[in-house]
Amino acid sequence: MIRRILLFLVLCVVFSCAKEDAEVAFNGLDSEFVGELVWVKNFGGSGNESAQAIIGTNDGGFAVLGYTGSIDGDIAAKFEEENDYWFLKFDANGVLQWNKTYGGSMDDIGQSLVQTTDGGYALTGYAMSSDGDATNNQGFHDNWILKLNAQGVLEWESSYGFSGHDHSYDILEASQGGYFFTGFLDITSARADGNTEKGNGLTSHGVGEFWGTKIDENGSIQWRGYFGGTNNDRAHSVVQSNDGGFVMAGFTESDDYDVSSTNGSYEFWVVKVDAFGNLLWEHSFGGDGIEVAYDIAKTLDDGYVVVGNTFSNNGDVLVNHGGSDVWMIKIDAEGNLVWEQTYGGSEFDLAQAVVQSKDGGFYITGNSKSDDKDSSFNYGENDIWLVKTNSVGELVWEKSYGGSGLDFAYDLIENEDGSVMVVGETASTDFNTLTSKGNTDLVLLKIK
């Protein structure tokens, strides 16, 4: 009997040790591969290139939109050394299938894209051209929308704007058909030439406004609305709500008219409109410093997360690690604050994009200049920074990627296999194994 008990205890110890060894080995393997750079690629010419947005495509590959000022290198059929929209199509393995530029003789900056239900693409950004691919410009930058087929052939394009600087930063295909895009209306200039369309209330507002535009599948305006106060207000991102409305996120410098309950000079501002552009609710978030929101994503519980940066350590911001921190807030379906989290070190850290991951957490990307606190390493200047959190925003892991120059990330997606694609730009000549092509290159990273 005693022998059996001893044997049982020995087996328990052996099994326990083996289990611990297996867990250590597994955890070691897991931590070794978390955030590992699978590959990094750069594209461009001798001038300046940048990637602003990436989407997965229905053929298992992905597409990238940005802009290029080069006429050599990887850029196809471009003859003007001014910025053009630059569209790149990749297969599932990151092999470039084709790339095309769109623009004219002036400054044209691609910002966001969506794959459409017909397999083509809709692009947005802001443009100054009225020649080449662009047929019209109302003055300075206009919102410029392009519809492409699946091979990147231009089907139609249209400009939307007034005589000032009007910028579009994000676009989606609406559930009710057509497209919705958002950005910034230079309302100071629009007073002169947009008063009839906008109505007598136009003069109630100030420098700039959130601007949302709904168009049909052929680019005809169905409605557009502006929202803000007497100072500078800009929408950077939009998602569609389950009820067919639109939720825009950006920042506000105002504290009047459409803007209520602010704590400081610049704050996150989130605005929801219905399917016809009527304002349903708005909320501002921040402290007495500066907060700017750059992206919004829907969450699995029908709420939203918003990311950007903060300089505050009061108000809605509970912790600041120094300087500018990455800031993520979670709000419910009515825009009420559920929780908030900051990430960063003692230097400048900023978030440009967020997606909810397959495990219910979040991936955030942007840039970091820190090498302390939440940021474990810095290669020099600003690095591309990837942050992984759990479902309530607690930091799980983070990684920096870059070289001794300026490196920025602007967007990301999670692939079906759980890997992450990050896009941006690099000015480093010592970024991993890359060979620099020009002043700044479009950079694409795959991360395990």
Protein backbone atom coordinates (compact mmCIF):
# COMPACT_ATOMS: atom_id res chain seq x y z
CA MET A 1 0.00 0.00 0.00
CA ILE A 2 2.80 2.39 0.97
CA ARG A 3 4.63 1.47 -2.26
CA ARG A 4 1.52 2.37 -4.31
CA ILE A 5 1.19 5.71 -2.55
CA LEU A 6 4.86 6.49 -3.17
CA LEU A 7 4.51 5.52 -6.83
CA PHE A 8 1.46 7.72 -7.17
CA LEU A 9 3.30 10.67 -5.60
CA VAL A 10 6.30 10.17 -7.89
CA LEU A 11 4.05 10.08 -10.95
CA CYS A 12 2.30 13.25 -9.79
CA VAL A 13 5.62 15.04 -9.37
CA VAL A 14 6.86 13.84 -12.77
CA PHE A 15 3.62 14.83 -14.48
CA SER A 16 3.60 18.20 -12.73
CA CYS A 17 7.20 18.91 -13.73
CA ALA A 18 6.54 17.81 -17.29
CA LYS A 19 3.46 20.01 -17.41
CA GLU A 20 5.42 22.98 -16.05
CA ASP A 21 8.23 22.36 -18.54
CA ALA A 22 5.71 22.16 -21.37
CA GLU A 23 4.03 25.39 -20.23
CA VAL A 24 7.39 27.15 -19.95
CA ALA A 25 8.37 25.90 -23.39
CA PHE A 26 5.02 26.95 -24.87
CA ASN A 27 5.05 30.33 -23.19
CA GLY A 28 8.63 30.88 -24.21
CA LEU A 29 7.76 30.00 -27.80
CA ASP A 30 4.70 32.22 -27.68
CA SER A 31 6.57 35.21 -26.28
CA GLU A 32 9.39 34.67 -28.76
CA PHE A 33 7.02 34.97 -31.69
CA VAL A 34 4.65 37.65 -30.43
CA GLY A 35 5.25 40.77 -32.51
CA GLU A 36 7.91 39.11 -34.65
CA LEU A 37 8.53 40.89 -37.94
CA VAL A 38 7.84 38.28 -40.62
CA TRP A 39 8.89 40.62 -43.41
CA VAL A 40 9.09 44.30 -44.26
CA LYS A 41 8.97 45.82 -47.75
CA ASN A 42 9.36 49.32 -49.09
CA PHE A 43 8.16 50.87 -52.33
CA GLY A 44 8.77 54.21 -53.96
CA GLY A 45 10.95 56.39 -56.10
CA SER A 46 13.46 59.14 -55.51
CA GLY A 47 10.87 61.50 -54.01
CA ASN A 48 8.38 61.14 -51.16
CA GLU A 49 5.90 58.29 -50.75
CA SER A 50 3.52 57.36 -47.96
CA ALA A 51 0.87 54.70 -47.29
CA GLN A 52 -2.22 55.99 -45.51
CA ALA A 53 -4.63 53.05 -45.57
CA ILE A 54 -4.78 49.26 -46.06
CA ILE A 55 -7.72 46.88 -46.56
CA GLY A 56 -8.08 43.17 -47.08
CA THR A 57 -9.53 42.26 -50.49
CA ASN A 58 -12.05 39.60 -51.45
CA ASP A 59 -9.40 37.54 -53.28
CA GLY A 60 -7.41 37.03 -50.07
CA GLY A 61 -4.89 39.75 -50.86
CA PHE A 62 -4.84 43.36 -49.77
CA ALA A 63 -4.80 46.87 -51.21
CA VAL A 64 -2.97 50.00 -50.07
CA LEU A 65 -3.67 53.67 -50.77
CA GLY A 66 -1.31 56.54 -50.23
CA TYR A 67 0.43 59.12 -52.33
CA THR A 68 3.62 59.58 -54.34
CA GLY A 69 5.61 62.52 -55.63
CA SER A 70 8.04 60.43 -57.68
CA ILE A 71 8.19 59.68 -61.40
CA ASP A 72 10.70 56.81 -61.16
CA GLY A 73 11.38 53.65 -59.19
CA ASP A 74 8.29 51.57 -58.47
CA ILE A 75 5.85 54.21 -59.68
CA ALA A 76 4.13 53.31 -62.95
CA ALA A 77 3.21 55.81 -65.70
CA LYS A 78 3.61 59.05 -63.76
CA PHE A 79 5.07 62.18 -65.34
CA GLU A 80 4.50 65.05 -62.90
CA GLU A 81 6.65 65.53 -59.78
CA GLU A 82 3.60 66.49 -57.73
CA ASN A 83 1.73 64.24 -55.33
CA ASP A 84 -0.78 61.82 -56.83
CA TYR A 85 -3.02 59.20 -55.26
CA TRP A 86 -1.06 55.91 -55.30
CA PHE A 87 -2.92 52.59 -55.27
CA LEU A 88 -1.07 49.28 -54.82
CA LYS A 89 -2.64 45.81 -55.10
CA PHE A 90 -0.93 42.82 -53.45
CA ASP A 91 -1.63 39.11 -53.37
CA ALA A 92 -1.96 37.13 -50.13
CA ASN A 93 1.84 36.67 -49.92
CA GLY A 94 2.63 40.37 -50.18
CA VAL A 95 3.67 40.22 -53.82
CA LEU A 96 2.86 43.44 -55.67
CA GLN A 97 0.45 42.62 -58.50
CA TRP A 98 0.00 46.10 -59.90
CA ASN A 99 0.08 49.76 -58.92
CA LYS A 100 -1.53 52.86 -60.41
CA THR A 101 -1.46 56.60 -59.82
CA TYR A 102 -4.34 59.04 -60.17
CA GLY A 103 -4.12 62.80 -60.27
CA GLY A 104 -3.16 65.87 -62.23
CA SER A 105 -0.51 68.56 -62.18
CA MET A 106 -1.25 69.74 -58.63
CA ASP A 107 -1.15 68.29 -55.09
CA ASP A 108 -3.41 65.19 -54.76
CA ILE A 109 -3.23 63.20 -51.49
CA GLY A 110 -4.89 59.76 -51.15
CA GLN A 111 -6.21 59.01 -47.65
CA SER A 112 -8.63 56.07 -47.48
CA LEU A 113 -10.22 53.31 -49.55
CA VAL A 114 -12.91 50.65 -49.44
CA GLN A 115 -13.57 47.62 -51.63
CA THR A 116 -17.03 47.89 -53.13
CA THR A 117 -19.64 45.17 -53.53
CA ASP A 118 -18.95 44.96 -57.27
CA GLY A 119 -15.31 44.03 -56.56
CA GLY A 120 -13.96 47.48 -57.38
CA TYR A 121 -12.75 50.23 -55.09
CA ALA A 122 -13.74 53.70 -53.88
CA LEU A 123 -10.94 56.08 -52.90
CA THR A 124 -11.00 59.35 -51.02
CA GLY A 125 -8.56 62.10 -50.15
CA TYR A 126 -8.04 65.69 -51.09
CA ALA A 127 -6.85 67.18 -54.37
CA MET A 128 -5.94 70.48 -56.00
CA SER A 129 -5.86 69.28 -59.60
CA SER A 130 -8.38 70.13 -62.30
CA ASP A 131 -6.55 68.34 -65.09
CA GLY A 132 -5.27 64.83 -65.77
CA ASP A 133 -7.67 62.46 -64.03
CA ALA A 134 -9.50 65.32 -62.29
CA THR A 135 -12.17 67.27 -64.14
CA ASN A 136 -12.97 69.97 -61.60
CA ASN A 137 -11.60 71.90 -58.62
CA GLN A 138 -13.40 74.58 -56.64
CA GLY A 139 -10.28 76.06 -55.07
CA PHE A 140 -7.28 74.82 -53.10
CA HIS A 141 -7.95 71.25 -51.90
CA ASP A 142 -11.29 69.59 -52.59
CA ASN A 143 -12.62 66.27 -51.39
CA TRP A 144 -11.83 63.99 -54.34
CA ILE A 145 -13.62 60.64 -54.76
CA LEU A 146 -12.59 58.01 -57.33
CA LYS A 147 -14.44 54.83 -58.28
CA LEU A 148 -12.27 52.09 -59.79
CA ASN A 149 -13.04 48.66 -61.16
CA ALA A 150 -11.31 45.55 -59.82
CA GLN A 151 -8.26 46.16 -62.04
CA GLY A 152 -7.86 49.78 -60.94
CA VAL A 153 -9.35 51.31 -64.08
CA LEU A 154 -11.00 54.66 -63.32
CA GLU A 155 -14.78 54.44 -63.77
CA TRP A 156 -15.69 57.89 -62.47
CA GLU A 157 -14.34 60.67 -60.28
CA SER A 158 -15.84 63.74 -58.67
CA SER A 159 -14.68 66.69 -56.56
CA TYR A 160 -16.65 68.13 -53.66
CA GLY A 161 -15.73 71.41 -52.04
CA PHE A 162 -15.78 75.15 -51.99
CA SER A 163 -13.06 77.77 -52.43
CA GLY A 164 -11.06 76.87 -49.31
CA HIS A 165 -9.08 73.85 -48.11
CA ASP A 166 -11.59 70.98 -47.88
CA HIS A 167 -10.10 67.64 -46.84
CA SER A 168 -11.56 64.12 -46.85
CA TYR A 169 -9.94 61.51 -44.62
CA ASP A 170 -12.18 58.43 -44.60
CA ILE A 171 -14.78 56.64 -46.74
CA LEU A 172 -17.14 53.68 -46.43
CA GLU A 173 -19.69 51.94 -48.60
CA ALA A 174 -23.06 52.58 -46.98
CA SER A 175 -25.44 49.77 -46.11
CA GLN A 176 -28.23 51.66 -47.91
CA GLY A 177 -26.11 51.95 -51.07
CA GLY A 178 -23.67 54.59 -52.24
CA TYR A 179 -20.84 55.98 -50.16
CA PHE A 180 -20.25 58.19 -47.15
CA PHE A 181 -17.06 60.16 -46.65
CA THR A 182 -15.98 62.56 -43.94
CA GLY A 183 -13.33 65.14 -43.21
CA PHE A 184 -12.99 68.87 -42.88
CA LEU A 185 -14.93 71.79 -44.36
CA ASP A 186 -13.07 75.10 -44.57
CA ILE A 187 -16.17 77.00 -43.63
CA THR A 188 -14.46 80.39 -43.59
CA SER A 189 -14.17 80.18 -47.38
CA ALA A 190 -17.46 78.30 -47.82
CA ARG A 191 -19.34 81.30 -46.41
CA ALA A 192 -18.67 83.11 -49.65
CA ASP A 193 -19.73 80.46 -52.15
CA GLY A 194 -21.70 77.87 -50.20
CA ASN A 195 -24.22 79.96 -48.34
CA THR A 196 -27.15 79.21 -50.62
CA GLU A 197 -26.70 75.47 -50.39
CA LYS A 198 -25.78 75.39 -46.73
CA GLY A 199 -28.49 77.73 -45.53
CA ASN A 200 -28.55 80.86 -43.42
CA GLY A 201 -27.17 79.02 -40.39
CA LEU A 202 -23.77 78.78 -42.05
CA THR A 203 -22.55 81.99 -40.44
CA SER A 204 -23.24 80.54 -36.99
CA HIS A 205 -20.08 78.47 -37.21
CA GLY A 206 -16.40 79.28 -37.34
CA VAL A 207 -13.05 78.13 -38.72
CA GLY A 208 -13.66 74.52 -39.72
CA GLU A 209 -16.26 71.82 -39.35
CA PHE A 210 -16.76 68.07 -39.29
CA TRP A 211 -18.08 67.47 -42.80
CA GLY A 212 -20.03 64.37 -43.82
CA THR A 213 -21.19 63.71 -47.38
CA LYS A 214 -23.50 60.96 -48.64
CA ILE A 215 -23.35 60.21 -52.37
CA ASP A 216 -25.05 57.59 -54.51
CA GLU A 217 -23.22 54.85 -56.44
CA ASN A 218 -22.52 57.29 -59.29
CA GLY A 219 -21.14 60.09 -57.14
CA SER A 220 -24.20 62.36 -57.06
CA ILE A 221 -24.70 64.16 -53.74
CA GLN A 222 -27.67 62.91 -51.74
CA TRP A 223 -26.96 65.07 -48.69
CA ARG A 224 -24.11 66.64 -46.78
CA GLY A 225 -23.92 68.19 -43.36
CA TYR A 226 -21.43 70.07 -41.23
CA PHE A 227 -21.07 70.01 -37.45
CA GLY A 228 -18.98 72.05 -35.02
CA GLY A 229 -18.57 75.36 -33.24
CA THR A 230 -16.74 78.64 -33.65
CA ASN A 231 -13.24 77.16 -33.73
CA ASN A 232 -11.43 74.32 -35.51
CA ASP A 233 -13.21 70.94 -35.74
CA ARG A 234 -12.05 68.03 -37.94
CA ALA A 235 -13.37 64.51 -38.49
CA HIS A 236 -10.67 61.93 -39.26
CA SER A 237 -12.61 58.66 -39.35
CA VAL A 238 -16.11 57.21 -39.68
CA VAL A 239 -17.96 53.92 -39.16
CA GLN A 240 -21.55 53.03 -39.90
CA SER A 241 -23.78 52.17 -36.96
CA ASN A 242 -26.10 49.18 -36.93
CA ASP A 243 -29.14 51.42 -37.45
CA GLY A 244 -27.76 52.88 -40.68
CA GLY A 245 -26.39 56.10 -39.19
CA PHE A 246 -22.79 57.29 -39.23
CA VAL A 247 -20.42 57.86 -36.30
CA MET A 248 -17.55 60.27 -36.94
CA ALA A 249 -14.51 60.82 -34.73
CA GLY A 250 -11.92 63.57 -34.74
CA PHE A 251 -11.24 66.60 -32.59
CA THR A 252 -12.85 69.85 -31.59
CA GLU A 253 -11.38 73.15 -30.46
CA SER A 254 -14.87 74.58 -29.91
CA ASP A 255 -17.12 74.73 -26.87
CA ASP A 256 -20.32 76.10 -28.39
CA TYR A 257 -23.08 75.43 -30.93
CA ASP A 258 -22.92 71.68 -31.65
CA VAL A 259 -20.13 71.05 -29.10
CA SER A 260 -20.90 70.57 -25.42
CA SER A 261 -19.10 69.77 -22.15
CA THR A 262 -15.46 70.27 -23.08
CA ASN A 263 -12.55 70.19 -20.61
CA GLY A 264 -9.73 71.79 -22.60
CA SER A 265 -8.59 73.41 -25.83
CA TYR A 266 -8.58 70.34 -28.11
CA GLU A 267 -10.58 67.19 -27.33
CA PHE A 268 -11.69 63.95 -28.91
CA TRP A 269 -15.08 64.64 -30.46
CA VAL A 270 -17.47 61.88 -31.55
CA VAL A 271 -20.61 62.72 -33.52
CA LYS A 272 -23.45 60.43 -34.56
CA VAL A 273 -25.85 61.35 -37.36
CA ASP A 274 -28.74 59.33 -38.73
CA ALA A 275 -28.95 57.96 -42.28
CA PHE A 276 -30.07 61.40 -43.51
CA GLY A 277 -27.46 63.50 -41.72
CA ASN A 278 -29.50 64.63 -38.71
CA LEU A 279 -27.42 65.04 -35.56
CA LEU A 280 -28.39 62.41 -32.98
CA TRP A 281 -25.72 62.88 -30.33
CA GLU A 282 -22.22 64.22 -29.75
CA HIS A 283 -19.69 63.78 -26.96
CA SER A 284 -16.29 65.28 -26.27
CA PHE A 285 -13.57 63.59 -24.21
CA GLY A 286 -10.30 64.85 -22.75
CA GLY A 287 -8.53 66.90 -20.13
CA ASP A 288 -7.11 70.41 -20.00
CA GLY A 289 -4.38 69.54 -22.52
CA ILE A 290 -4.63 68.64 -26.20
CA GLU A 291 -6.39 65.50 -27.46
CA VAL A 292 -6.74 64.54 -31.14
CA ALA A 293 -8.61 61.42 -32.32
CA TYR A 294 -7.51 59.76 -35.57
CA ASP A 295 -9.52 56.54 -35.82
CA ILE A 296 -12.72 54.88 -34.68
CA ALA A 297 -13.71 51.19 -34.81
CA LYS A 298 -16.92 49.36 -33.97
CA THR A 299 -16.71 46.77 -31.21
CA LEU A 300 -18.35 43.38 -30.89
CA ASP A 301 -20.80 44.72 -28.28
CA ASP A 302 -22.06 47.48 -30.64
CA GLY A 303 -19.97 50.17 -28.99
CA TYR A 304 -16.93 51.98 -30.35
CA VAL A 305 -13.26 52.52 -29.56
CA VAL A 306 -11.51 55.74 -30.50
CA VAL A 307 -7.74 56.28 -30.59
CA GLY A 308 -5.41 59.24 -30.92
CA ASN A 309 -3.14 61.07 -28.50
CA THR A 310 -3.39 63.08 -25.31
CA PHE A 311 -1.24 65.59 -23.44
CA SER A 312 -3.55 65.66 -20.40
CA ASN A 313 -3.39 63.99 -17.00
CA ASN A 314 -6.79 65.08 -15.70
CA GLY A 315 -10.41 65.18 -16.76
CA ASP A 316 -11.19 61.97 -18.62
CA VAL A 317 -7.48 61.04 -18.74
CA LEU A 318 -6.46 59.22 -15.57
CA VAL A 319 -2.78 58.57 -16.34
CA ASN A 320 -0.17 60.32 -18.48
CA HIS A 321 3.27 58.77 -18.92
CA GLY A 322 4.88 62.00 -20.11
CA GLY A 323 4.50 64.28 -23.10
CA SER A 324 2.05 62.87 -25.63
CA ASP A 325 0.59 59.42 -24.96
CA VAL A 326 -1.46 57.09 -27.09
CA TRP A 327 -5.04 57.33 -25.79
CA MET A 328 -7.86 54.83 -26.40
CA ILE A 329 -11.39 55.30 -25.14
CA LYS A 330 -14.28 52.84 -25.21
CA ILE A 331 -17.77 54.28 -25.57
CA ASP A 332 -21.15 52.58 -25.72
CA ALA A 333 -23.72 52.80 -28.50
CA GLU A 334 -24.94 56.18 -27.17
CA GLY A 335 -21.46 57.67 -26.90
CA ASN A 336 -21.06 57.35 -23.12
CA LEU A 337 -17.54 56.72 -21.83
CA VAL A 338 -17.07 53.13 -20.62
CA TRP A 339 -13.30 53.07 -20.03
CA GLU A 340 -10.08 54.71 -21.17
CA GLN A 341 -6.42 53.70 -21.34
CA THR A 342 -3.14 55.49 -22.08
CA TYR A 343 0.03 53.93 -23.48
CA GLY A 344 3.45 55.48 -23.88
CA GLY A 345 6.65 56.71 -22.36
CA SER A 346 8.25 60.03 -21.54
CA GLU A 347 8.51 61.18 -25.16
CA PHE A 348 5.97 61.65 -28.00
CA ASP A 349 3.61 58.72 -28.68
CA LEU A 350 0.54 58.79 -30.94
CA ALA A 351 -2.04 56.35 -32.33
CA GLN A 352 -3.28 56.51 -35.91
CA ALA A 353 -5.40 53.34 -36.24
CA VAL A 354 -7.20 50.67 -34.24
CA VAL A 355 -8.90 47.35 -35.04
CA GLN A 356 -10.61 44.84 -32.79
CA SER A 357 -8.66 41.57 -32.90
CA LYS A 358 -10.13 38.10 -33.30
CA ASP A 359 -9.62 37.38 -29.59
CA GLY A 360 -11.72 40.40 -28.59
CA GLY A 361 -8.78 42.65 -27.78
CA PHE A 362 -7.40 45.47 -29.88
CA TYR A 363 -4.44 46.26 -32.10
CA ILE A 364 -3.31 49.89 -32.16
CA THR A 365 -0.64 51.33 -34.42
CA GLY A 366 1.01 54.71 -34.73
CA ASN A 367 4.41 56.00 -33.73
CA SER A 368 6.54 56.27 -30.61
CA LYS A 369 9.66 58.21 -29.73
CA SER A 370 9.86 56.71 -26.23
CA ASP A 371 12.11 53.94 -24.90
CA ASP A 372 10.76 53.74 -21.36
CA LYS A 373 7.60 52.88 -19.42
CA ASP A 374 5.22 51.19 -21.90
CA SER A 375 7.65 51.45 -24.82
CA SER A 376 10.46 48.94 -24.40
CA PHE A 377 12.77 50.01 -27.24
CA ASN A 378 13.42 52.84 -29.68
CA TYR A 379 15.57 52.66 -32.80
CA GLY A 380 15.91 56.44 -33.08
CA GLU A 381 13.52 59.33 -33.68
CA ASN A 382 9.94 58.15 -34.25
CA ASP A 383 9.40 54.42 -34.67
CA ILE A 384 6.42 52.51 -35.96
CA TRP A 385 4.70 51.23 -32.84
CA LEU A 386 2.29 48.28 -32.55
CA VAL A 387 0.32 47.79 -29.32
CA LYS A 388 -1.80 44.75 -28.43
CA THR A 389 -4.38 45.04 -25.66
CA ASN A 390 -7.03 42.82 -24.14
CA SER A 391 -10.77 43.51 -24.38
CA VAL A 392 -10.69 46.23 -21.71
CA GLY A 393 -7.63 47.99 -23.09
CA GLU A 394 -5.00 46.56 -20.77
CA LEU A 395 -1.60 46.31 -22.43
CA VAL A 396 -0.68 42.75 -23.46
CA TRP A 397 2.44 43.44 -25.53
CA GLU A 398 4.05 46.11 -27.70
CA LYS A 399 6.79 46.30 -30.31
CA SER A 400 8.68 49.05 -32.11
CA TYR A 401 9.91 48.81 -35.72
CA GLY A 402 12.13 51.23 -37.56
CA GLY A 403 15.56 52.72 -38.01
CA SER A 404 17.43 55.84 -37.01
CA GLY A 405 15.20 58.14 -39.10
CA LEU A 406 11.54 59.07 -38.98
CA ASP A 407 9.15 56.11 -39.27
CA PHE A 408 5.36 56.40 -39.08
CA ALA A 409 2.47 53.93 -39.23
CA TYR A 410 -0.97 55.04 -40.39
CA ASP A 411 -3.14 51.94 -40.69
CA LEU A 412 -3.33 48.19 -40.02
CA ILE A 413 -5.44 45.09 -40.57
CA GLU A 414 -5.52 41.65 -38.96
CA ASN A 415 -5.32 38.74 -41.40
CA GLU A 416 -7.29 35.50 -41.21
CA ASP A 417 -4.22 33.69 -39.87
CA GLY A 418 -3.91 36.16 -36.99
CA SER A 419 -0.95 38.05 -38.44
CA VAL A 420 -1.07 41.82 -38.72
CA MET A 421 -0.29 44.08 -41.68
CA VAL A 422 0.90 47.62 -40.90
CA VAL A 423 1.46 50.39 -43.45
CA GLY A 424 3.08 53.80 -43.26
CA GLU A 425 6.24 55.56 -44.36
CA THR A 426 9.94 55.46 -43.55
CA ALA A 427 12.79 57.90 -43.92
CA SER A 428 15.31 55.51 -42.32
CA THR A 429 18.22 54.16 -44.31
CA ASP A 430 18.80 51.39 -41.74
CA PHE A 431 15.29 49.93 -41.33
CA ASN A 432 15.89 46.20 -41.06
CA THR A 433 17.21 44.93 -44.43
CA LEU A 434 15.55 47.61 -46.55
CA THR A 435 17.40 49.63 -49.16
CA SER A 436 16.08 53.17 -49.22
CA LYS A 437 14.63 54.26 -52.55
CA GLY A 438 14.22 57.99 -51.92
CA ASN A 439 13.38 60.67 -49.37
CA THR A 440 10.54 58.71 -47.79
CA ASP A 441 9.32 55.29 -48.87
CA LEU A 442 5.98 53.58 -48.51
CA VAL A 443 6.57 50.80 -45.99
CA LEU A 444 4.61 47.59 -45.49
CA LEU A 445 5.13 45.22 -42.54
CA LYS A 446 3.79 41.74 -41.80
CA ILE A 447 3.92 40.89 -38.09
CA LYS A 448 3.24 37.55 -36.43
